[in-house]
């Protein structure tokens, strides 16, 4: 059974840091892109960061220079290091992957809550 499991969320003050992890099972991890999305109440789910199978990264403008996505292929795990957190970063963060012809294979984690508040 394919599974993506996020961890590392929590409550932090503005300016603080968190590191999220996503552990994957039963996917060809070394060969697929991995993504982090987030969804705040009342808003659409948005793409935060991506990392390709060869390590190429992209970020939403809102998190550029503050967040870093990385992967450890020997552990089948992708990370999101979040620094200088802002209240507007508050959301449920989801791990995601999609691949194959017409991107037909798509999997989501259950999500982990990140709350940034004083």
C-alpha atoms as a PDB file:
ATOM      1  CA  UNK A   1       0.000   0.000   0.000  1.00  0.00           C
ATOM      2  CA  UNK A   2       1.370   3.400  -1.001  1.00  0.00           C
ATOM      3  CA  UNK A   3       1.639   5.710   1.967  1.00  0.00           C
ATOM      4  CA  UNK A   4       2.927   9.218   2.657  1.00  0.00           C
ATOM      5  CA  UNK A   5       3.139  10.188   6.317  1.00  0.00           C
ATOM      6  CA  UNK A   6       3.940  13.729   7.430  1.00  0.00           C
ATOM      7  CA  UNK A   7       5.317  14.750  10.792  1.00  0.00           C
ATOM      8  CA  UNK A   8       6.901  17.754  12.469  1.00  0.00           C
ATOM      9  CA  UNK A   9       4.069  20.255  12.589  1.00  0.00           C
ATOM     10  CA  UNK A  10       3.179  22.264  15.645  1.00  0.00           C
ATOM     11  CA  UNK A  11       2.724  25.696  17.174  1.00  0.00           C
ATOM     12  CA  UNK A  12       5.518  28.238  16.816  1.00  0.00           C
ATOM     13  CA  UNK A  13       5.939  31.965  17.323  1.00  0.00           C
ATOM     14  CA  UNK A  14       6.502  34.322  14.390  1.00  0.00           C
ATOM     15  CA  UNK A  15      10.137  34.179  13.389  1.00  0.00           C
ATOM     16  CA  UNK A  16      10.494  30.605  14.584  1.00  0.00           C
ATOM     17  CA  UNK A  17      11.401  27.481  12.661  1.00  0.00           C
ATOM     18  CA  UNK A  18      10.000  24.022  12.026  1.00  0.00           C
ATOM     19  CA  UNK A  19      11.189  21.077   9.982  1.00  0.00           C
ATOM     20  CA  UNK A  20       8.557  18.857   8.408  1.00  0.00           C
ATOM     21  CA  UNK A  21       9.215  15.295   7.297  1.00  0.00           C
ATOM     22  CA  UNK A  22       7.359  13.047   4.886  1.00  0.00           C
ATOM     23  CA  UNK A  23       8.154   9.349   4.864  1.00  0.00           C
ATOM     24  CA  UNK A  24       7.122   7.410   1.765  1.00  0.00           C
ATOM     25  CA  UNK A  25       6.489   3.710   1.323  1.00  0.00           C
ATOM     26  CA  UNK A  26       5.950   1.609  -1.789  1.00  0.00           C
ATOM     27  CA  UNK A  27       6.678   4.282  -4.350  1.00  0.00           C
ATOM     28  CA  UNK A  28       9.685   4.518  -6.701  1.00  0.00           C
ATOM     29  CA  UNK A  29      10.966   7.305  -4.491  1.00  0.00           C
ATOM     30  CA  UNK A  30      14.288   7.864  -6.245  1.00  0.00           C
ATOM     31  CA  UNK A  31      12.532   8.513  -9.550  1.00  0.00           C
ATOM     32  CA  UNK A  32       9.599  10.771  -8.704  1.00  0.00           C
ATOM     33  CA  UNK A  33       9.190  14.421  -7.813  1.00  0.00           C
ATOM     34  CA  UNK A  34       8.023  15.289  -4.325  1.00  0.00           C
ATOM     35  CA  UNK A  35       5.997  18.322  -3.331  1.00  0.00           C
ATOM     36  CA  UNK A  36       4.767  20.193  -0.306  1.00  0.00           C
ATOM     37  CA  UNK A  37       1.362  21.853  -0.461  1.00  0.00           C
ATOM     38  CA  UNK A  38      -0.505  23.785   2.175  1.00  0.00           C
ATOM     39  CA  UNK A  39      -4.096  24.756   2.761  1.00  0.00           C
ATOM     40  CA  UNK A  40      -5.306  27.462   5.108  1.00  0.00           C
ATOM     41  CA  UNK A  41      -8.943  27.724   6.236  1.00  0.00           C
ATOM     42  CA  UNK A  42     -11.122  29.227   3.523  1.00  0.00           C
ATOM     43  CA  UNK A  43      -8.343  29.162   0.940  1.00  0.00           C
ATOM     44  CA  UNK A  44      -7.380  26.915  -1.930  1.00  0.00           C
ATOM     45  CA  UNK A  45      -4.621  24.405  -1.527  1.00  0.00           C
ATOM     46  CA  UNK A  46      -1.402  25.929  -2.822  1.00  0.00           C
ATOM     47  CA  UNK A  47       1.889  24.501  -3.953  1.00  0.00           C
ATOM     48  CA  UNK A  48       4.683  25.534  -1.594  1.00  0.00           C
ATOM     49  CA  UNK A  49       7.777  23.733  -2.847  1.00  0.00           C
ATOM     50  CA  UNK A  50       8.851  20.991  -5.229  1.00  0.00           C
ATOM     51  CA  UNK A  51      11.931  18.872  -5.636  1.00  0.00           C
ATOM     52  CA  UNK A  52      12.610  16.782  -8.717  1.00  0.00           C
ATOM     53  CA  UNK A  53      14.092  13.313  -8.823  1.00  0.00           C
ATOM     54  CA  UNK A  54      17.491  14.887  -9.467  1.00  0.00           C
ATOM     55  CA  UNK A  55      17.187  17.557  -6.802  1.00  0.00           C
ATOM     56  CA  UNK A  56      15.973  20.584  -8.734  1.00  0.00           C
ATOM     57  CA  UNK A  57      13.891  22.787  -6.439  1.00  0.00           C
ATOM     58  CA  UNK A  58      11.206  25.401  -6.905  1.00  0.00           C
ATOM     59  CA  UNK A  59       9.356  27.543  -4.388  1.00  0.00           C
ATOM     60  CA  UNK A  60       6.312  29.700  -4.166  1.00  0.00           C
ATOM     61  CA  UNK A  61       7.247  33.372  -4.051  1.00  0.00           C
ATOM     62  CA  UNK A  62       5.714  33.662  -0.600  1.00  0.00           C
ATOM     63  CA  UNK A  63       8.222  31.217   0.918  1.00  0.00           C
ATOM     64  CA  UNK A  64      11.282  31.785  -1.248  1.00  0.00           C
ATOM     65  CA  UNK A  65      14.439  32.376   0.812  1.00  0.00           C
ATOM     66  CA  UNK A  66      12.692  31.138   3.958  1.00  0.00           C
ATOM     67  CA  UNK A  67      11.834  27.490   3.193  1.00  0.00           C
ATOM     68  CA  UNK A  68      14.095  24.728   1.907  1.00  0.00           C
ATOM     69  CA  UNK A  69      12.910  21.429   0.460  1.00  0.00           C
ATOM     70  CA  UNK A  70      15.295  18.480   0.458  1.00  0.00           C
ATOM     71  CA  UNK A  71      15.249  14.715   0.149  1.00  0.00           C
ATOM     72  CA  UNK A  72      17.177  11.725   1.439  1.00  0.00           C
ATOM     73  CA  UNK A  73      16.621   8.997  -1.091  1.00  0.00           C
ATOM     74  CA  UNK A  74      18.171   6.278   1.050  1.00  0.00           C
ATOM     75  CA  UNK A  75      15.502   7.016   3.670  1.00  0.00           C
ATOM     76  CA  UNK A  76      12.615   7.577   1.229  1.00  0.00           C
ATOM     77  CA  UNK A  77      11.985  10.862   2.997  1.00  0.00           C
ATOM     78  CA  UNK A  78      11.413  14.443   1.896  1.00  0.00           C
ATOM     79  CA  UNK A  79      11.793  17.421   4.227  1.00  0.00           C
ATOM     80  CA  UNK A  80      10.641  21.001   4.415  1.00  0.00           C
ATOM     81  CA  UNK A  81      12.786  23.278   6.564  1.00  0.00           C
ATOM     82  CA  UNK A  82      10.761  26.376   7.415  1.00  0.00           C
ATOM     83  CA  UNK A  83      12.538  29.420   8.831  1.00  0.00           C
ATOM     84  CA  UNK A  84      11.346  32.893   9.777  1.00  0.00           C
ATOM     85  CA  UNK A  85       7.780  31.676   9.965  1.00  0.00           C
ATOM     86  CA  UNK A  86       4.969  34.173   9.591  1.00  0.00           C
ATOM     87  CA  UNK A  87       1.324  34.007  10.708  1.00  0.00           C
ATOM     88  CA  UNK A  88       0.294  33.690   7.068  1.00  0.00           C
ATOM     89  CA  UNK A  89       2.206  30.400   6.924  1.00  0.00           C
ATOM     90  CA  UNK A  90      -0.442  28.865   9.188  1.00  0.00           C
ATOM     91  CA  UNK A  91      -1.993  25.936   7.323  1.00  0.00           C
ATOM     92  CA  UNK A  92      -2.186  22.202   7.049  1.00  0.00           C
ATOM     93  CA  UNK A  93       0.876  21.060   5.139  1.00  0.00           C
ATOM     94  CA  UNK A  94       0.582  18.066   2.821  1.00  0.00           C
ATOM     95  CA  UNK A  95       3.182  15.857   1.216  1.00  0.00           C
ATOM     96  CA  UNK A  96       2.393  14.952  -2.395  1.00  0.00           C
ATOM     97  CA  UNK A  97       3.760  13.067  -5.360  1.00  0.00           C
ATOM     98  CA  UNK A  98       2.488  12.528  -8.892  1.00  0.00           C
ATOM     99  CA  UNK A  99       3.943  10.678 -11.837  1.00  0.00           C
ATOM    100  CA  UNK A 100       3.269   8.467 -14.834  1.00  0.00           C
ATOM    101  CA  UNK A 101       1.476   8.859 -18.109  1.00  0.00           C
ATOM    102  CA  UNK A 102      -0.923  11.795 -17.807  1.00  0.00           C
ATOM    103  CA  UNK A 103       0.239  12.010 -14.178  1.00  0.00           C
ATOM    104  CA  UNK A 104      -2.245   9.291 -13.342  1.00  0.00           C
ATOM    105  CA  UNK A 105      -0.472   8.114 -10.187  1.00  0.00           C
ATOM    106  CA  UNK A 106      -1.058  10.636  -7.423  1.00  0.00           C
ATOM    107  CA  UNK A 107      -0.716  10.293  -3.665  1.00  0.00           C
ATOM    108  CA  UNK A 108      -1.271  12.613  -0.725  1.00  0.00           C
ATOM    109  CA  UNK A 109      -0.306  12.451   2.897  1.00  0.00           C
ATOM    110  CA  UNK A 110      -2.792  13.072   5.677  1.00  0.00           C
ATOM    111  CA  UNK A 111      -1.321  16.468   6.495  1.00  0.00           C
ATOM    112  CA  UNK A 112       0.328  18.070   9.491  1.00  0.00           C
ATOM    113  CA  UNK A 113      -0.849  21.293  11.134  1.00  0.00           C
ATOM    114  CA  UNK A 114       1.483  24.278  11.307  1.00  0.00           C
ATOM    115  CA  UNK A 115       0.298  27.213  13.405  1.00  0.00           C
ATOM    116  CA  UNK A 116       2.309  30.432  13.637  1.00  0.00           C
ATOM    117  CA  UNK A 117       1.000  32.701  16.363  1.00  0.00           C
ATOM    118  CA  UNK A 118       2.092  34.873  19.255  1.00  0.00           C
END
